[in-house]
C-alpha atoms as a PDB file:
ATOM      1  CA  MET A   1      -5.912  17.937   3.437  1.00  0.00           C
ATOM      2  CA  VAL A   2      -3.640  15.130   4.317  1.00  0.00           C
ATOM      3  CA  LYS A   3      -2.565  15.977   7.900  1.00  0.00           C
ATOM      4  CA  HIS A   4      -5.069  13.604   9.489  1.00  0.00           C
ATOM      5  CA  LEU A   5      -3.401  10.715   7.664  1.00  0.00           C
ATOM      6  CA  VAL A   6       0.229  11.478   8.934  1.00  0.00           C
ATOM      7  CA  PRO A   7      -0.052   9.534  12.260  1.00  0.00           C
ATOM      8  CA  PHE A   8      -1.475   6.505  10.465  1.00  0.00           C
ATOM      9  CA  ILE A   9       1.243   6.459   8.014  1.00  0.00           C
ATOM     10  CA  SER A  10       4.433   7.892   9.790  1.00  0.00           C
ATOM     11  CA  LYS A  11       4.133   5.546  12.746  1.00  0.00           C
ATOM     12  CA  PRO A  12       4.098   2.084  10.920  1.00  0.00           C
ATOM     13  CA  LEU A  13       6.107   3.256   7.879  1.00  0.00           C
ATOM     14  CA  PRO A  14       9.711   2.357   9.342  1.00  0.00           C
ATOM     15  CA  LYS A  15       8.472  -1.074  10.389  1.00  0.00           C
ATOM     16  CA  MET A  16       6.899  -1.607   6.974  1.00  0.00           C
ATOM     17  CA  LYS A  17      10.023  -0.736   5.239  1.00  0.00           C
ATOM     18  CA  LYS A  18      12.021  -3.178   7.428  1.00  0.00           C
ATOM     19  CA  LEU A  19       9.644  -5.868   7.120  1.00  0.00           C
ATOM     20  CA  SER A  20       9.393  -5.394   3.289  1.00  0.00           C
ATOM     21  CA  ALA A  21      13.097  -5.725   2.878  1.00  0.00           C
ATOM     22  CA  GLN A  22      12.915  -8.980   4.763  1.00  0.00           C
ATOM     23  CA  LEU A  23      10.171 -10.663   2.753  1.00  0.00           C
ATOM     24  CA  PRO A  24      11.299 -14.073   1.946  1.00  0.00           C
ATOM     25  CA  ASP A  25      11.649 -15.601  -1.601  1.00  0.00           C
ATOM     26  CA  THR A  26       8.528 -17.595  -0.901  1.00  0.00           C
ATOM     27  CA  ILE A  27       6.529 -14.348  -1.247  1.00  0.00           C
ATOM     28  CA  PRO A  28       6.057 -13.667  -5.142  1.00  0.00           C
ATOM     29  CA  GLU A  29       7.804 -10.773  -6.692  1.00  0.00           C
ATOM     30  CA  ALA A  30       5.362  -8.170  -8.100  1.00  0.00           C
ATOM     31  CA  SER A  31       5.317  -7.196 -11.742  1.00  0.00           C
ATOM     32  CA  GLU A  32       4.743  -3.797 -13.299  1.00  0.00           C
ATOM     33  CA  ALA A  33       1.456  -5.134 -14.683  1.00  0.00           C
ATOM     34  CA  GLY A  34       0.330  -6.332 -11.260  1.00  0.00           C
ATOM     35  CA  ASP A  35      -2.659  -5.310  -9.033  1.00  0.00           C
ATOM     36  CA  ILE A  36      -0.511  -3.172  -6.657  1.00  0.00           C
ATOM     37  CA  VAL A  37       0.872  -0.854  -9.320  1.00  0.00           C
ATOM     38  CA  ARG A  38      -2.523  -0.601 -11.084  1.00  0.00           C
ATOM     39  CA  VAL A  39      -4.491   0.141  -7.937  1.00  0.00           C
ATOM     40  CA  ILE A  40      -1.808   2.732  -6.557  1.00  0.00           C
ATOM     41  CA  THR A  41      -1.596   4.453  -9.995  1.00  0.00           C
ATOM     42  CA  THR A  42      -5.123   4.400 -11.350  1.00  0.00           C
ATOM     43  CA  VAL A  43      -7.644   4.015  -8.498  1.00  0.00           C
ATOM     44  CA  HIS A  44      -9.036   7.167  -7.059  1.00  0.00           C
ATOM     45  CA  GLY A  45     -11.530   7.825  -4.230  1.00  0.00           C
ATOM     46  CA  ILE A  46     -15.146   8.347  -5.068  1.00  0.00           C
ATOM     47  CA  ASP A  47     -14.952  11.972  -3.980  1.00  0.00           C
ATOM     48  CA  GLU A  48     -11.420  12.373  -5.460  1.00  0.00           C
ATOM     49  CA  SER A  49     -10.010  13.504  -1.977  1.00  0.00           C
ATOM     50  CA  VAL A  50      -6.648  12.328  -0.728  1.00  0.00           C
ATOM     51  CA  ARG A  51      -8.334  10.590   2.155  1.00  0.00           C
ATOM     52  CA  GLY A  52     -10.924   8.934   0.003  1.00  0.00           C
ATOM     53  CA  THR A  53      -8.308   7.783  -2.479  1.00  0.00           C
ATOM     54  CA  PHE A  54      -6.039   6.428   0.360  1.00  0.00           C
ATOM     55  CA  ASN A  55      -8.880   4.506   1.848  1.00  0.00           C
ATOM     56  CA  ARG A  56     -10.180   3.001  -1.398  1.00  0.00           C
ATOM     57  CA  ARG A  57      -6.711   1.983  -2.506  1.00  0.00           C
ATOM     58  CA  PHE A  58      -5.991   0.152   0.845  1.00  0.00           C
ATOM     59  CA  ASP A  59      -9.439  -1.378   0.981  1.00  0.00           C
ATOM     60  CA  ILE A  60      -8.886  -2.870  -2.545  1.00  0.00           C
ATOM     61  CA  LEU A  61      -5.473  -4.130  -1.722  1.00  0.00           C
ATOM     62  CA  PHE A  62      -5.560  -5.016   1.934  1.00  0.00           C
ATOM     63  CA  GLY A  63      -9.253  -5.135   3.076  1.00  0.00           C
ATOM     64  CA  ALA A  64     -10.664  -7.947   5.015  1.00  0.00           C
ATOM     65  CA  ASP A  65     -11.922  -9.642   1.862  1.00  0.00           C
ATOM     66  CA  CYS A  66      -8.298  -9.760   0.482  1.00  0.00           C
ATOM     67  CA  ARG A  67      -7.274 -12.620   2.715  1.00  0.00           C
ATOM     68  CA  THR A  68      -6.605 -16.245   1.920  1.00  0.00           C
ATOM     69  CA  PRO A  69      -8.593 -18.922   3.785  1.00  0.00           C
ATOM     70  CA  ASP A  70      -5.656 -19.263   6.223  1.00  0.00           C
ATOM     71  CA  GLY A  71      -5.745 -15.502   7.006  1.00  0.00           C
ATOM     72  CA  ARG A  72      -2.784 -14.262   4.830  1.00  0.00           C
ATOM     73  CA  LEU A  73      -3.090 -11.134   2.698  1.00  0.00           C
ATOM     74  CA  LYS A  74      -3.194 -11.869  -0.897  1.00  0.00           C
ATOM     75  CA  ASN A  75      -1.468  -8.705  -2.130  1.00  0.00           C
ATOM     76  CA  ILE A  76       1.725  -8.895  -0.377  1.00  0.00           C
ATOM     77  CA  ARG A  77       4.397  -8.949  -3.002  1.00  0.00           C
ATOM     78  CA  ARG A  78       8.106  -8.372  -2.989  1.00  0.00           C
ATOM     79  CA  GLY A  79      10.050  -5.800  -4.957  1.00  0.00           C
ATOM     80  CA  ASP A  80       9.686  -2.239  -6.427  1.00  0.00           C
ATOM     81  CA  PHE A  81       6.287  -3.104  -7.906  1.00  0.00           C
ATOM     82  CA  GLY A  82       4.958  -4.700  -4.683  1.00  0.00           C
ATOM     83  CA  MET A  83       5.580  -3.450  -1.163  1.00  0.00           C
ATOM     84  CA  GLY A  84       8.046  -1.068  -2.620  1.00  0.00           C
ATOM     85  CA  CYS A  85       5.318   0.685  -4.594  1.00  0.00           C
ATOM     86  CA  VAL A  86       3.066   0.764  -1.442  1.00  0.00           C
ATOM     87  CA  ILE A  87       5.829   2.333   0.621  1.00  0.00           C
ATOM     88  CA  ASP A  88       6.555   4.895  -2.120  1.00  0.00           C
ATOM     89  CA  TYR A  89       2.904   5.879  -2.185  1.00  0.00           C
ATOM     90  CA  LEU A  90       2.809   6.230   1.540  1.00  0.00           C
ATOM     91  CA  GLU A  91       6.017   8.365   1.473  1.00  0.00           C
ATOM     92  CA  SER A  92       4.553  10.651  -1.225  1.00  0.00           C
ATOM     93  CA  THR A  93       1.428  11.060   0.780  1.00  0.00           C
ATOM     94  CA  LEU A  94       3.502  12.165   3.796  1.00  0.00           C
ATOM     95  CA  ARG A  95       5.464  14.655   1.673  1.00  0.00           C
ATOM     96  CA  ARG A  96       2.209  16.182   0.460  1.00  0.00           C
ATOM     97  CA  SER A  97       1.194  16.795   4.219  1.00  0.00           C
ATOM     98  CA  ASN A  98       4.264  19.058   4.733  1.00  0.00           C
END
């Protein structure tokens, strides 16, 4: 069941899309062989549930241990294989909730 994830995804998603489109060139562009694509396409939750998979993927990519010493997230990347991939995953999760 995905319905419990809907408010956590649908509310910030428009802002994520807007901010993703505005990422400056100083943010590296992601590659198809990068961590974001690998995690989003191959990592699953321990219990194989949608919620477990969602939580595990986001913990790996954006958890507290994924920050640089100055507090920036290490896995923010531009492009289709970066935040575009994350946004696609979130949108597909929302579609499954309908």
